[in-house]
Amino acid sequence: MSEKDSGAHAAHIHGVIDRIEDNDMAVILVGDDEETQIDLPVALLPEGATDGDHLRLTITIDAASRAGAEDRIRQLQEELLNRSKK
């Protein structure tokens, strides 16, 4: 279903826009067999994308975002601990 780019740790997935529903949700068939369906807001598609267009979806892990979220959670936990000690 996906090709792995070992250098960038990315998954590249083939997709086809099957249809657009209510002008705001795209139904995309993904994978080499195009049997898995995902729904995606049209606003997230490239400008001008329409029914029948083939897409290449690239998924990567955002380590910096995760680290930032972990820091925020750790900070909130410390604040809660300090409140309970008062």
N, C-alpha and C. Protein backbone atom coordinates (compact mmCIF):
# COMPACT_ATOMS: atom_id res chain seq x y z
N MET A 1 0.81 -1.20 0.00
CA MET A 1 0.00 0.00 0.00
C MET A 1 0.85 1.26 0.00
N SER A 2 2.00 1.24 0.63
CA SER A 2 2.82 2.43 0.67
C SER A 2 4.26 2.09 0.35
N GLU A 3 4.95 3.11 -0.13
CA GLU A 3 6.38 2.99 -0.35
C GLU A 3 7.04 3.72 0.82
N LYS A 4 8.11 3.16 1.35
CA LYS A 4 8.79 3.82 2.46
C LYS A 4 10.04 4.52 1.95
N ASP A 5 10.22 5.77 2.32
CA ASP A 5 11.43 6.51 2.00
C ASP A 5 12.26 6.48 3.27
N SER A 6 13.22 5.54 3.34
CA SER A 6 13.96 5.32 4.57
C SER A 6 14.76 6.54 5.00
N GLY A 7 15.15 7.40 4.08
CA GLY A 7 15.91 8.58 4.45
C GLY A 7 15.08 9.58 5.23
N ALA A 8 13.87 9.81 4.80
CA ALA A 8 13.02 10.81 5.44
C ALA A 8 11.97 10.19 6.35
N HIS A 9 11.94 8.87 6.44
CA HIS A 9 10.94 8.17 7.25
C HIS A 9 9.53 8.63 6.89
N ALA A 10 9.24 8.62 5.61
CA ALA A 10 7.93 9.05 5.13
C ALA A 10 7.23 7.89 4.44
N ALA A 11 5.92 7.90 4.53
CA ALA A 11 5.10 6.95 3.78
C ALA A 11 4.46 7.73 2.64
N HIS A 12 4.62 7.21 1.43
CA HIS A 12 4.01 7.84 0.25
C HIS A 12 2.88 6.92 -0.20
N ILE A 13 1.67 7.47 -0.23
CA ILE A 13 0.48 6.67 -0.50
C ILE A 13 -0.24 7.22 -1.73
N HIS A 14 -0.58 6.32 -2.65
CA HIS A 14 -1.35 6.68 -3.84
C HIS A 14 -2.81 6.87 -3.45
N GLY A 15 -3.45 7.88 -4.02
CA GLY A 15 -4.87 8.11 -3.77
C GLY A 15 -5.55 8.67 -5.01
N VAL A 16 -6.86 8.44 -5.09
CA VAL A 16 -7.68 8.96 -6.18
C VAL A 16 -8.91 9.61 -5.56
N ILE A 17 -9.22 10.82 -6.01
CA ILE A 17 -10.45 11.47 -5.53
C ILE A 17 -11.62 10.79 -6.23
N ASP A 18 -12.38 10.02 -5.48
CA ASP A 18 -13.54 9.31 -6.03
C ASP A 18 -14.68 10.28 -6.30
N ARG A 19 -14.92 11.14 -5.30
CA ARG A 19 -16.01 12.11 -5.46
C ARG A 19 -15.89 13.18 -4.38
N ILE A 20 -16.60 14.27 -4.61
CA ILE A 20 -16.68 15.35 -3.62
C ILE A 20 -18.13 15.47 -3.21
N GLU A 21 -18.37 15.39 -1.91
CA GLU A 21 -19.73 15.43 -1.39
C GLU A 21 -20.01 16.78 -0.75
N ASP A 22 -21.17 17.34 -1.06
CA ASP A 22 -21.65 18.60 -0.49
C ASP A 22 -20.64 19.74 -0.64
N ASN A 23 -19.79 19.68 -1.65
CA ASN A 23 -18.79 20.71 -1.94
C ASN A 23 -17.80 20.95 -0.82
N ASP A 24 -17.75 20.05 0.17
CA ASP A 24 -16.80 20.30 1.24
C ASP A 24 -16.04 19.06 1.72
N MET A 25 -16.45 17.88 1.30
CA MET A 25 -15.78 16.66 1.75
C MET A 25 -15.41 15.80 0.55
N ALA A 26 -14.10 15.48 0.46
CA ALA A 26 -13.62 14.63 -0.64
C ALA A 26 -13.52 13.20 -0.15
N VAL A 27 -14.02 12.28 -0.95
CA VAL A 27 -13.90 10.85 -0.67
C VAL A 27 -12.71 10.37 -1.52
N ILE A 28 -11.67 9.92 -0.83
CA ILE A 28 -10.43 9.53 -1.50
C ILE A 28 -10.21 8.04 -1.29
N LEU A 29 -9.95 7.33 -2.39
CA LEU A 29 -9.63 5.91 -2.33
C LEU A 29 -8.11 5.80 -2.33
N VAL A 30 -7.55 5.15 -1.31
CA VAL A 30 -6.10 5.13 -1.15
C VAL A 30 -5.53 3.72 -1.25
N GLY A 31 -4.24 3.67 -1.50
CA GLY A 31 -3.53 2.41 -1.61
C GLY A 31 -3.45 1.98 -3.06
N ASP A 32 -2.56 1.04 -3.32
CA ASP A 32 -2.39 0.55 -4.68
C ASP A 32 -3.66 -0.09 -5.23
N ASP A 33 -4.46 -0.69 -4.33
CA ASP A 33 -5.71 -1.34 -4.74
C ASP A 33 -6.90 -0.38 -4.72
N GLU A 34 -6.71 0.82 -4.19
CA GLU A 34 -7.76 1.84 -4.08
C GLU A 34 -9.02 1.30 -3.40
N GLU A 35 -8.83 0.46 -2.41
CA GLU A 35 -9.98 -0.12 -1.70
C GLU A 35 -10.26 0.54 -0.35
N THR A 36 -9.29 1.27 0.18
CA THR A 36 -9.49 1.94 1.47
C THR A 36 -9.96 3.35 1.22
N GLN A 37 -11.03 3.74 1.92
CA GLN A 37 -11.62 5.07 1.72
C GLN A 37 -11.28 5.96 2.90
N ILE A 38 -10.88 7.20 2.60
CA ILE A 38 -10.74 8.22 3.64
C ILE A 38 -11.52 9.45 3.19
N ASP A 39 -12.06 10.17 4.15
CA ASP A 39 -12.76 11.42 3.87
C ASP A 39 -11.88 12.56 4.33
N LEU A 40 -11.75 13.56 3.49
CA LEU A 40 -10.87 14.68 3.77
C LEU A 40 -11.56 15.97 3.37
N PRO A 41 -11.50 16.99 4.21
CA PRO A 41 -12.11 18.27 3.81
C PRO A 41 -11.47 18.78 2.52
N VAL A 42 -12.28 19.27 1.61
CA VAL A 42 -11.81 19.79 0.33
C VAL A 42 -10.78 20.90 0.56
N ALA A 43 -10.92 21.65 1.63
CA ALA A 43 -10.00 22.75 1.93
C ALA A 43 -8.56 22.26 2.11
N LEU A 44 -8.36 20.98 2.41
CA LEU A 44 -7.02 20.45 2.59
C LEU A 44 -6.41 19.91 1.30
N LEU A 45 -7.18 19.88 0.23
CA LEU A 45 -6.70 19.40 -1.06
C LEU A 45 -5.97 20.52 -1.81
N PRO A 46 -5.11 20.15 -2.76
CA PRO A 46 -4.49 21.19 -3.60
C PRO A 46 -5.58 21.96 -4.36
N GLU A 47 -5.34 23.23 -4.59
CA GLU A 47 -6.31 24.07 -5.31
C GLU A 47 -6.60 23.47 -6.67
N GLY A 48 -7.86 23.38 -7.01
CA GLY A 48 -8.29 22.87 -8.31
C GLY A 48 -8.47 21.37 -8.37
N ALA A 49 -8.18 20.66 -7.28
CA ALA A 49 -8.35 19.19 -7.28
C ALA A 49 -9.83 18.86 -7.42
N THR A 50 -10.11 17.83 -8.22
CA THR A 50 -11.49 17.46 -8.48
C THR A 50 -11.62 15.95 -8.67
N ASP A 51 -12.85 15.49 -8.85
CA ASP A 51 -13.12 14.06 -9.05
C ASP A 51 -12.18 13.47 -10.10
N GLY A 52 -11.64 12.30 -9.80
CA GLY A 52 -10.78 11.60 -10.74
C GLY A 52 -9.31 11.95 -10.66
N ASP A 53 -8.98 13.02 -9.96
CA ASP A 53 -7.56 13.39 -9.84
C ASP A 53 -6.82 12.37 -8.98
N HIS A 54 -5.59 12.06 -9.39
CA HIS A 54 -4.73 11.15 -8.64
C HIS A 54 -3.85 11.98 -7.73
N LEU A 55 -3.66 11.48 -6.52
CA LEU A 55 -2.89 12.21 -5.51
C LEU A 55 -1.75 11.34 -4.99
N ARG A 56 -0.74 11.99 -4.48
CA ARG A 56 0.30 11.29 -3.72
C ARG A 56 0.29 11.93 -2.34
N LEU A 57 -0.12 11.14 -1.36
CA LEU A 57 -0.17 11.60 0.02
C LEU A 57 1.14 11.21 0.70
N THR A 58 1.75 12.14 1.37
CA THR A 58 2.99 11.88 2.09
C THR A 58 2.73 12.08 3.58
N ILE A 59 3.04 11.06 4.36
CA ILE A 59 2.82 11.12 5.80
C ILE A 59 4.17 10.98 6.49
N THR A 60 4.48 11.95 7.35
CA THR A 60 5.72 11.90 8.11
C THR A 60 5.41 12.12 9.59
N ILE A 61 6.33 11.69 10.41
CA ILE A 61 6.20 11.92 11.85
C ILE A 61 6.77 13.30 12.16
N ASP A 62 6.04 14.08 12.92
CA ASP A 62 6.46 15.43 13.30
C ASP A 62 7.01 15.37 14.73
N ALA A 63 8.29 15.05 14.85
CA ALA A 63 8.92 14.88 16.16
C ALA A 63 8.95 16.19 16.94
N ALA A 64 9.15 17.30 16.26
CA ALA A 64 9.21 18.59 16.95
C ALA A 64 7.86 18.94 17.57
N SER A 65 6.78 18.68 16.86
CA SER A 65 5.45 18.94 17.39
C SER A 65 5.17 18.07 18.60
N ARG A 66 5.56 16.79 18.52
CA ARG A 66 5.36 15.88 19.64
C ARG A 66 6.14 16.35 20.86
N ALA A 67 7.39 16.74 20.65
CA ALA A 67 8.22 17.20 21.77
C ALA A 67 7.60 18.43 22.42
N GLY A 68 7.08 19.34 21.60
CA GLY A 68 6.43 20.53 22.14
C GLY A 68 5.19 20.18 22.96
N ALA A 69 4.39 19.23 22.48
CA ALA A 69 3.19 18.80 23.21
C ALA A 69 3.59 18.14 24.52
N GLU A 70 4.62 17.31 24.50
CA GLU A 70 5.08 16.65 25.73
C GLU A 70 5.56 17.69 26.74
N ASP A 71 6.26 18.72 26.27
CA ASP A 71 6.71 19.78 27.18
C ASP A 71 5.54 20.51 27.81
N ARG A 72 4.53 20.82 26.99
CA ARG A 72 3.34 21.52 27.52
C ARG A 72 2.62 20.66 28.55
N ILE A 73 2.50 19.38 28.28
CA ILE A 73 1.83 18.47 29.22
C ILE A 73 2.62 18.38 30.52
N ARG A 74 3.94 18.23 30.39
CA ARG A 74 4.79 18.15 31.58
C ARG A 74 4.65 19.41 32.43
N GLN A 75 4.61 20.56 31.77
CA GLN A 75 4.47 21.84 32.47
C GLN A 75 3.11 21.91 33.20
N LEU A 76 2.05 21.49 32.53
CA LEU A 76 0.72 21.49 33.16
C LEU A 76 0.68 20.54 34.35
N GLN A 77 1.31 19.38 34.21
CA GLN A 77 1.35 18.43 35.32
C GLN A 77 2.08 19.01 36.52
N GLU A 78 3.17 19.70 36.28
CA GLU A 78 3.92 20.34 37.36
C GLU A 78 3.08 21.41 38.04
N GLU A 79 2.35 22.21 37.24
CA GLU A 79 1.48 23.24 37.81
C GLU A 79 0.40 22.61 38.68
N LEU A 80 -0.19 21.52 38.23
CA LEU A 80 -1.22 20.84 39.03
C LEU A 80 -0.63 20.28 40.32
N LEU A 81 0.55 19.70 40.24
CA LEU A 81 1.22 19.18 41.45
C LEU A 81 1.49 20.30 42.44
N ASN A 82 1.96 21.44 41.94
CA ASN A 82 2.25 22.57 42.82
C ASN A 82 0.99 23.13 43.46
N ARG A 83 -0.12 23.14 42.73
CA ARG A 83 -1.40 23.60 43.30
C ARG A 83 -1.87 22.68 44.41
N SER A 84 -1.68 21.39 44.22
CA SER A 84 -2.17 20.45 45.24
C SER A 84 -1.31 20.47 46.49
N LYS A 85 -0.10 21.00 46.42
CA LYS A 85 0.78 21.07 47.58
C LYS A 85 0.47 22.28 48.45
N LYS A 86 -0.29 23.24 47.93
CA LYS A 86 -0.59 24.46 48.67
C LYS A 86 -1.71 24.27 49.64
